[in-house]
Amino acid sequence: MVVGRTLWDFVIEMMETPGLRLWLLALVIVMEFIFIIILILVQAGFLSLNLSYGGLGVEIRPFAANLAMAHQF
């Protein structure tokens, strides 16, 4: 019976497993691209980030929503 295992124990085991290293690296790269795209959209003014006690909220700004609706027609 294993007692006192933490999240870091599982992360270390995953890094030691050869088959999961490539998937973990790919996941980190994809997450980084998503993070960069979100930051670019925030900087351009298309997204708004709200930080509160409940967590992090990502909202589309009204200008971006109107622009998206204009391309429908």
PDB file of N, CA and C in Angstrom:
ATOM      1  N   MET A   1       0.842  -1.181   0.000  1.00  0.00           N
ATOM      2  CA  MET A   1       0.000   0.000   0.000  1.00  0.00           C
ATOM      3  C   MET A   1       0.886   1.243   0.000  1.00  0.00           C
ATOM      4  N   VAL A   2       0.540   2.175  -0.881  1.00  0.00           N
ATOM      5  CA  VAL A   2       1.324   3.400  -1.019  1.00  0.00           C
ATOM      6  C   VAL A   2       0.556   4.538  -0.355  1.00  0.00           C
ATOM      7  N   VAL A   3       1.213   5.188   0.578  1.00  0.00           N
ATOM      8  CA  VAL A   3       0.583   6.280   1.313  1.00  0.00           C
ATOM      9  C   VAL A   3       1.421   7.539   1.113  1.00  0.00           C
ATOM     10  N   GLY A   4       0.767   8.682   0.966  1.00  0.00           N
ATOM     11  CA  GLY A   4       1.479   9.950   0.890  1.00  0.00           C
ATOM     12  C   GLY A   4       2.000  10.281  -0.494  1.00  0.00           C
ATOM     13  N   ARG A   5       1.412   9.740  -1.521  1.00  0.00           N
ATOM     14  CA  ARG A   5       1.849  10.077  -2.883  1.00  0.00           C
ATOM     15  C   ARG A   5       1.306  11.439  -3.257  1.00  0.00           C
ATOM     16  N   THR A   6       2.130  12.216  -3.894  1.00  0.00           N
ATOM     17  CA  THR A   6       1.721  13.551  -4.315  1.00  0.00           C
ATOM     18  C   THR A   6       1.609  13.589  -5.831  1.00  0.00           C
ATOM     19  N   LEU A   7       1.134  14.721  -6.322  1.00  0.00           N
ATOM     20  CA  LEU A   7       1.034  14.915  -7.762  1.00  0.00           C
ATOM     21  C   LEU A   7       2.409  14.862  -8.412  1.00  0.00           C
ATOM     22  N   TRP A   8       3.415  15.364  -7.712  1.00  0.00           N
ATOM     23  CA  TRP A   8       4.762  15.383  -8.277  1.00  0.00           C
ATOM     24  C   TRP A   8       5.322  13.978  -8.440  1.00  0.00           C
ATOM     25  N   ASP A   9       4.911  13.044  -7.586  1.00  0.00           N
ATOM     26  CA  ASP A   9       5.346  11.659  -7.766  1.00  0.00           C
ATOM     27  C   ASP A   9       4.847  11.100  -9.096  1.00  0.00           C
ATOM     28  N   PHE A  10       3.602  11.411  -9.428  1.00  0.00           N
ATOM     29  CA  PHE A  10       3.054  10.943 -10.695  1.00  0.00           C
ATOM     30  C   PHE A  10       3.710  11.643 -11.883  1.00  0.00           C
ATOM     31  N   VAL A  11       4.047  12.920 -11.730  1.00  0.00           N
ATOM     32  CA  VAL A  11       4.725  13.641 -12.804  1.00  0.00           C
ATOM     33  C   VAL A  11       6.111  13.048 -13.034  1.00  0.00           C
ATOM     34  N   ILE A  12       6.828  12.729 -11.972  1.00  0.00           N
ATOM     35  CA  ILE A  12       8.159  12.135 -12.109  1.00  0.00           C
ATOM     36  C   ILE A  12       8.073  10.767 -12.760  1.00  0.00           C
ATOM     37  N   GLU A  13       7.085   9.960 -12.363  1.00  0.00           N
ATOM     38  CA  GLU A  13       6.900   8.654 -12.995  1.00  0.00           C
ATOM     39  C   GLU A  13       6.561   8.792 -14.475  1.00  0.00           C
ATOM     40  N   MET A  14       5.768   9.798 -14.809  1.00  0.00           N
ATOM     41  CA  MET A  14       5.399  10.001 -16.199  1.00  0.00           C
ATOM     42  C   MET A  14       6.621  10.408 -17.026  1.00  0.00           C
ATOM     43  N   MET A  15       7.492  11.216 -16.448  1.00  0.00           N
ATOM     44  CA  MET A  15       8.699  11.624 -17.173  1.00  0.00           C
ATOM     45  C   MET A  15       9.668  10.458 -17.338  1.00  0.00           C
ATOM     46  N   GLU A  16       9.634   9.501 -16.424  1.00  0.00           N
ATOM     47  CA  GLU A  16      10.517   8.345 -16.526  1.00  0.00           C
ATOM     48  C   GLU A  16       9.995   7.290 -17.497  1.00  0.00           C
ATOM     49  N   THR A  17       8.721   7.375 -17.849  1.00  0.00           N
ATOM     50  CA  THR A  17       8.137   6.414 -18.785  1.00  0.00           C
ATOM     51  C   THR A  17       8.413   6.894 -20.206  1.00  0.00           C
ATOM     52  N   PRO A  18       9.128   6.115 -21.012  1.00  0.00           N
ATOM     53  CA  PRO A  18       9.522   6.583 -22.349  1.00  0.00           C
ATOM     54  C   PRO A  18       8.333   6.871 -23.271  1.00  0.00           C
ATOM     55  N   GLY A  19       7.258   6.111 -23.161  1.00  0.00           N
ATOM     56  CA  GLY A  19       6.137   6.299 -24.070  1.00  0.00           C
ATOM     57  C   GLY A  19       5.343   7.567 -23.809  1.00  0.00           C
ATOM     58  N   LEU A  20       5.433   8.109 -22.612  1.00  0.00           N
ATOM     59  CA  LEU A  20       4.648   9.293 -22.277  1.00  0.00           C
ATOM     60  C   LEU A  20       5.422  10.598 -22.433  1.00  0.00           C
ATOM     61  N   ARG A  21       6.726  10.530 -22.584  1.00  0.00           N
ATOM     62  CA  ARG A  21       7.515  11.752 -22.715  1.00  0.00           C
ATOM     63  C   ARG A  21       7.118  12.555 -23.943  1.00  0.00           C
ATOM     64  N   LEU A  22       6.958  11.870 -25.072  1.00  0.00           N
ATOM     65  CA  LEU A  22       6.618  12.557 -26.313  1.00  0.00           C
ATOM     66  C   LEU A  22       5.239  13.199 -26.223  1.00  0.00           C
ATOM     67  N   TRP A  23       4.266  12.476 -25.639  1.00  0.00           N
ATOM     68  CA  TRP A  23       2.924  13.036 -25.497  1.00  0.00           C
ATOM     69  C   TRP A  23       2.928  14.234 -24.551  1.00  0.00           C
ATOM     70  N   LEU A  24       3.682  14.158 -23.486  1.00  0.00           N
ATOM     71  CA  LEU A  24       3.753  15.273 -22.551  1.00  0.00           C
ATOM     72  C   LEU A  24       4.389  16.495 -23.198  1.00  0.00           C
ATOM     73  N   LEU A  25       5.430  16.290 -23.981  1.00  0.00           N
ATOM     74  CA  LEU A  25       6.072  17.388 -24.692  1.00  0.00           C
ATOM     75  C   LEU A  25       5.115  18.007 -25.705  1.00  0.00           C
ATOM     76  N   ALA A  26       4.386  17.182 -26.434  1.00  0.00           N
ATOM     77  CA  ALA A  26       3.415  17.696 -27.406  1.00  0.00           C
ATOM     78  C   ALA A  26       2.312  18.480 -26.703  1.00  0.00           C
ATOM     79  N   LEU A  27       1.855  17.998 -25.561  1.00  0.00           N
ATOM     80  CA  LEU A  27       0.813  18.697 -24.806  1.00  0.00           C
ATOM     81  C   LEU A  27       1.306  20.055 -24.320  1.00  0.00           C
ATOM     82  N   VAL A  28       2.528  20.113 -23.849  1.00  0.00           N
ATOM     83  CA  VAL A  28       3.094  21.382 -23.378  1.00  0.00           C
ATOM     84  C   VAL A  28       3.219  22.376 -24.532  1.00  0.00           C
ATOM     85  N   ILE A  29       3.635  21.913 -25.705  1.00  0.00           N
ATOM     86  CA  ILE A  29       3.776  22.798 -26.868  1.00  0.00           C
ATOM     87  C   ILE A  29       2.418  23.330 -27.316  1.00  0.00           C
ATOM     88  N   VAL A  30       1.405  22.464 -27.355  1.00  0.00           N
ATOM     89  CA  VAL A  30       0.062  22.906 -27.756  1.00  0.00           C
ATOM     90  C   VAL A  30      -0.500  23.901 -26.747  1.00  0.00           C
ATOM     91  N   MET A  31      -0.317  23.631 -25.460  1.00  0.00           N
ATOM     92  CA  MET A  31      -0.803  24.552 -24.434  1.00  0.00           C
ATOM     93  C   MET A  31      -0.097  25.911 -24.545  1.00  0.00           C
ATOM     94  N   GLU A  32       1.178  25.899 -24.881  1.00  0.00           N
ATOM     95  CA  GLU A  32       1.918  27.150 -25.039  1.00  0.00           C
ATOM     96  C   GLU A  32       1.392  27.949 -26.221  1.00  0.00           C
ATOM     97  N   PHE A  33       1.098  27.283 -27.342  1.00  0.00           N
ATOM     98  CA  PHE A  33       0.524  27.977 -28.498  1.00  0.00           C
ATOM     99  C   PHE A  33      -0.837  28.584 -28.155  1.00  0.00           C
ATOM    100  N   ILE A  34      -1.673  27.849 -27.431  1.00  0.00           N
ATOM    101  CA  ILE A  34      -2.981  28.367 -27.036  1.00  0.00           C
ATOM    102  C   ILE A  34      -2.811  29.585 -26.135  1.00  0.00           C
ATOM    103  N   PHE A  35      -1.881  29.514 -25.203  1.00  0.00           N
ATOM    104  CA  PHE A  35      -1.620  30.633 -24.300  1.00  0.00           C
ATOM    105  C   PHE A  35      -1.144  31.860 -25.073  1.00  0.00           C
ATOM    106  N   ILE A  36      -0.274  31.684 -26.051  1.00  0.00           N
ATOM    107  CA  ILE A  36       0.229  32.797 -26.856  1.00  0.00           C
ATOM    108  C   ILE A  36      -0.898  33.410 -27.678  1.00  0.00           C
ATOM    109  N   ILE A  37      -1.764  32.589 -28.265  1.00  0.00           N
ATOM    110  CA  ILE A  37      -2.887  33.106 -29.055  1.00  0.00           C
ATOM    111  C   ILE A  37      -3.842  33.908 -28.171  1.00  0.00           C
ATOM    112  N   ILE A  38      -4.123  33.407 -26.976  1.00  0.00           N
ATOM    113  CA  ILE A  38      -4.998  34.149 -26.062  1.00  0.00           C
ATOM    114  C   ILE A  38      -4.372  35.484 -25.685  1.00  0.00           C
ATOM    115  N   LEU A  39      -3.073  35.503 -25.406  1.00  0.00           N
ATOM    116  CA  LEU A  39      -2.415  36.769 -25.062  1.00  0.00           C
ATOM    117  C   LEU A  39      -2.426  37.757 -26.218  1.00  0.00           C
ATOM    118  N   ILE A  40      -2.261  37.277 -27.440  1.00  0.00           N
ATOM    119  CA  ILE A  40      -2.312  38.166 -28.607  1.00  0.00           C
ATOM    120  C   ILE A  40      -3.710  38.740 -28.771  1.00  0.00           C
ATOM    121  N   LEU A  41      -4.751  37.911 -28.583  1.00  0.00           N
ATOM    122  CA  LEU A  41      -6.121  38.398 -28.705  1.00  0.00           C
ATOM    123  C   LEU A  41      -6.467  39.394 -27.598  1.00  0.00           C
ATOM    124  N   VAL A  42      -5.927  39.205 -26.409  1.00  0.00           N
ATOM    125  CA  VAL A  42      -6.144  40.167 -25.328  1.00  0.00           C
ATOM    126  C   VAL A  42      -5.452  41.480 -25.657  1.00  0.00           C
ATOM    127  N   GLN A  43      -4.224  41.411 -26.146  1.00  0.00           N
ATOM    128  CA  GLN A  43      -3.479  42.616 -26.487  1.00  0.00           C
ATOM    129  C   GLN A  43      -4.156  43.386 -27.619  1.00  0.00           C
ATOM    130  N   ALA A  44      -4.765  42.666 -28.575  1.00  0.00           N
ATOM    131  CA  ALA A  44      -5.447  43.320 -29.690  1.00  0.00           C
ATOM    132  C   ALA A  44      -6.799  43.880 -29.284  1.00  0.00           C
ATOM    133  N   GLY A  45      -7.314  43.476 -28.138  1.00  0.00           N
ATOM    134  CA  GLY A  45      -8.579  44.010 -27.665  1.00  0.00           C
ATOM    135  C   GLY A  45      -9.785  43.163 -28.006  1.00  0.00           C
ATOM    136  N   PHE A  46      -9.586  41.979 -28.534  1.00  0.00           N
ATOM    137  CA  PHE A  46     -10.699  41.110 -28.887  1.00  0.00           C
ATOM    138  C   PHE A  46     -11.208  40.294 -27.703  1.00  0.00           C
ATOM    139  N   LEU A  47     -10.348  40.042 -26.718  1.00  0.00           N
ATOM    140  CA  LEU A  47     -10.740  39.296 -25.530  1.00  0.00           C
ATOM    141  C   LEU A  47     -10.483  40.140 -24.295  1.00  0.00           C
ATOM    142  N   SER A  48     -11.212  39.818 -23.246  1.00  0.00           N
ATOM    143  CA  SER A  48     -11.037  40.488 -21.969  1.00  0.00           C
ATOM    144  C   SER A  48     -10.835  39.423 -20.897  1.00  0.00           C
ATOM    145  N   LEU A  49      -9.828  39.592 -20.053  1.00  0.00           N
ATOM    146  CA  LEU A  49      -9.567  38.658 -18.966  1.00  0.00           C
ATOM    147  C   LEU A  49     -10.049  39.273 -17.659  1.00  0.00           C
ATOM    148  N   ASN A  50     -10.845  38.514 -16.915  1.00  0.00           N
ATOM    149  CA  ASN A  50     -11.331  38.974 -15.616  1.00  0.00           C
ATOM    150  C   ASN A  50     -10.826  38.026 -14.542  1.00  0.00           C
ATOM    151  N   LEU A  51     -10.082  38.569 -13.597  1.00  0.00           N
ATOM    152  CA  LEU A  51      -9.541  37.783 -12.502  1.00  0.00           C
ATOM    153  C   LEU A  51     -10.343  38.089 -11.240  1.00  0.00           C
ATOM    154  N   SER A  52     -10.891  37.044 -10.608  1.00  0.00           N
ATOM    155  CA  SER A  52     -11.694  37.235  -9.410  1.00  0.00           C
ATOM    156  C   SER A  52     -11.450  36.066  -8.466  1.00  0.00           C
ATOM    157  N   TYR A  53     -12.176  36.060  -7.361  1.00  0.00           N
ATOM    158  CA  TYR A  53     -12.029  34.969  -6.404  1.00  0.00           C
ATOM    159  C   TYR A  53     -12.520  33.641  -6.988  1.00  0.00           C
ATOM    160  N   GLY A  54     -13.441  33.700  -7.917  1.00  0.00           N
ATOM    161  CA  GLY A  54     -13.986  32.491  -8.521  1.00  0.00           C
ATOM    162  C   GLY A  54     -13.085  31.888  -9.574  1.00  0.00           C
ATOM    163  N   GLY A  55     -12.079  32.594 -10.010  1.00  0.00           N
ATOM    164  CA  GLY A  55     -11.173  32.068 -11.022  1.00  0.00           C
ATOM    165  C   GLY A  55     -10.899  33.110 -12.093  1.00  0.00           C
ATOM    166  N   LEU A  56     -10.537  32.623 -13.250  1.00  0.00           N
ATOM    167  CA  LEU A  56     -10.177  33.475 -14.375  1.00  0.00           C
ATOM    168  C   LEU A  56     -11.272  33.380 -15.420  1.00  0.00           C
ATOM    169  N   GLY A  57     -11.765  34.520 -15.870  1.00  0.00           N
ATOM    170  CA  GLY A  57     -12.810  34.541 -16.886  1.00  0.00           C
ATOM    171  C   GLY A  57     -12.286  35.148 -18.169  1.00  0.00           C
ATOM    172  N   VAL A  58     -12.595  34.515 -19.283  1.00  0.00           N
ATOM    173  CA  VAL A  58     -12.222  35.030 -20.595  1.00  0.00           C
ATOM    174  C   VAL A  58     -13.515  35.400 -21.308  1.00  0.00           C
ATOM    175  N   GLU A  59     -13.642  36.675 -21.691  1.00  0.00           N
ATOM    176  CA  GLU A  59     -14.861  37.156 -22.329  1.00  0.00           C
ATOM    177  C   GLU A  59     -14.528  37.784 -23.668  1.00  0.00           C
ATOM    178  N   ILE A  60     -15.462  37.635 -24.607  1.00  0.00           N
ATOM    179  CA  ILE A  60     -15.315  38.294 -25.904  1.00  0.00           C
ATOM    180  C   ILE A  60     -15.806  39.725 -25.745  1.00  0.00           C
ATOM    181  N   ARG A  61     -15.033  40.666 -26.206  1.00  0.00           N
ATOM    182  CA  ARG A  61     -15.429  42.071 -26.118  1.00  0.00           C
ATOM    183  C   ARG A  61     -16.549  42.355 -27.120  1.00  0.00           C
ATOM    184  N   PRO A  62     -17.368  43.359 -26.858  1.00  0.00           N
ATOM    185  CA  PRO A  62     -18.491  43.652 -27.760  1.00  0.00           C
ATOM    186  C   PRO A  62     -18.059  43.954 -29.193  1.00  0.00           C
ATOM    187  N   PHE A  63     -16.932  44.626 -29.373  1.00  0.00           N
ATOM    188  CA  PHE A  63     -16.460  44.926 -30.727  1.00  0.00           C
ATOM    189  C   PHE A  63     -16.177  43.644 -31.496  1.00  0.00           C
ATOM    190  N   ALA A  64     -15.532  42.688 -30.838  1.00  0.00           N
ATOM    191  CA  ALA A  64     -15.219  41.424 -31.500  1.00  0.00           C
ATOM    192  C   ALA A  64     -16.490  40.632 -31.771  1.00  0.00           C
ATOM    193  N   ALA A  65     -17.468  40.689 -30.868  1.00  0.00           N
ATOM    194  CA  ALA A  65     -18.723  39.973 -31.080  1.00  0.00           C
ATOM    195  C   ALA A  65     -19.482  40.584 -32.255  1.00  0.00           C
ATOM    196  N   ASN A  66     -19.512  41.918 -32.351  1.00  0.00           N
ATOM    197  CA  ASN A  66     -20.174  42.569 -33.477  1.00  0.00           C
ATOM    198  C   ASN A  66     -19.467  42.267 -34.781  1.00  0.00           C
ATOM    199  N   LEU A  67     -18.160  42.200 -34.750  1.00  0.00           N
ATOM    200  CA  LEU A  67     -17.398  41.885 -35.955  1.00  0.00           C
ATOM    201  C   LEU A  67     -17.678  40.460 -36.406  1.00  0.00           C
ATOM    202  N   ALA A  68     -17.805  39.538 -35.460  1.00  0.00           N
ATOM    203  CA  ALA A  68     -18.103  38.141 -35.798  1.00  0.00           C
ATOM    204  C   ALA A  68     -19.515  38.020 -36.366  1.00  0.00           C
ATOM    205  N   MET A  69     -20.464  38.783 -35.829  1.00  0.00           N
ATOM    206  CA  MET A  69     -21.838  38.721 -36.325  1.00  0.00           C
ATOM    207  C   MET A  69     -21.959  39.348 -37.701  1.00  0.00           C
ATOM    208  N   ALA A  70     -21.129  40.353 -38.024  1.00  0.00           N
ATOM    209  CA  ALA A  70     -21.196  41.005 -39.315  1.00  0.00           C
ATOM    210  C   ALA A  70     -20.756  40.081 -40.439  1.00  0.00           C
ATOM    211  N   HIS A  71     -19.882  39.124 -40.136  1.00  0.00           N
ATOM    212  CA  HIS A  71     -19.386  38.219 -41.177  1.00  0.00           C
ATOM    213  C   HIS A  71     -20.358  37.081 -41.449  1.00  0.00           C
ATOM    214  N   GLN A  72     -21.402  36.957 -40.663  1.00  0.00           N
ATOM    215  CA  GLN A  72     -22.375  35.897 -40.896  1.00  0.00           C
ATOM    216  C   GLN A  72     -23.229  36.197 -42.113  1.00  0.00           C
ATOM    217  N   PHE A  73     -23.491  37.461 -42.370  1.00  0.00           N
ATOM    218  CA  PHE A  73     -24.420  37.809 -43.433  1.00  0.00           C
ATOM    219  C   PHE A  73     -23.734  38.114 -44.717  1.00  0.00           C
TER     220      PHE A  73
END
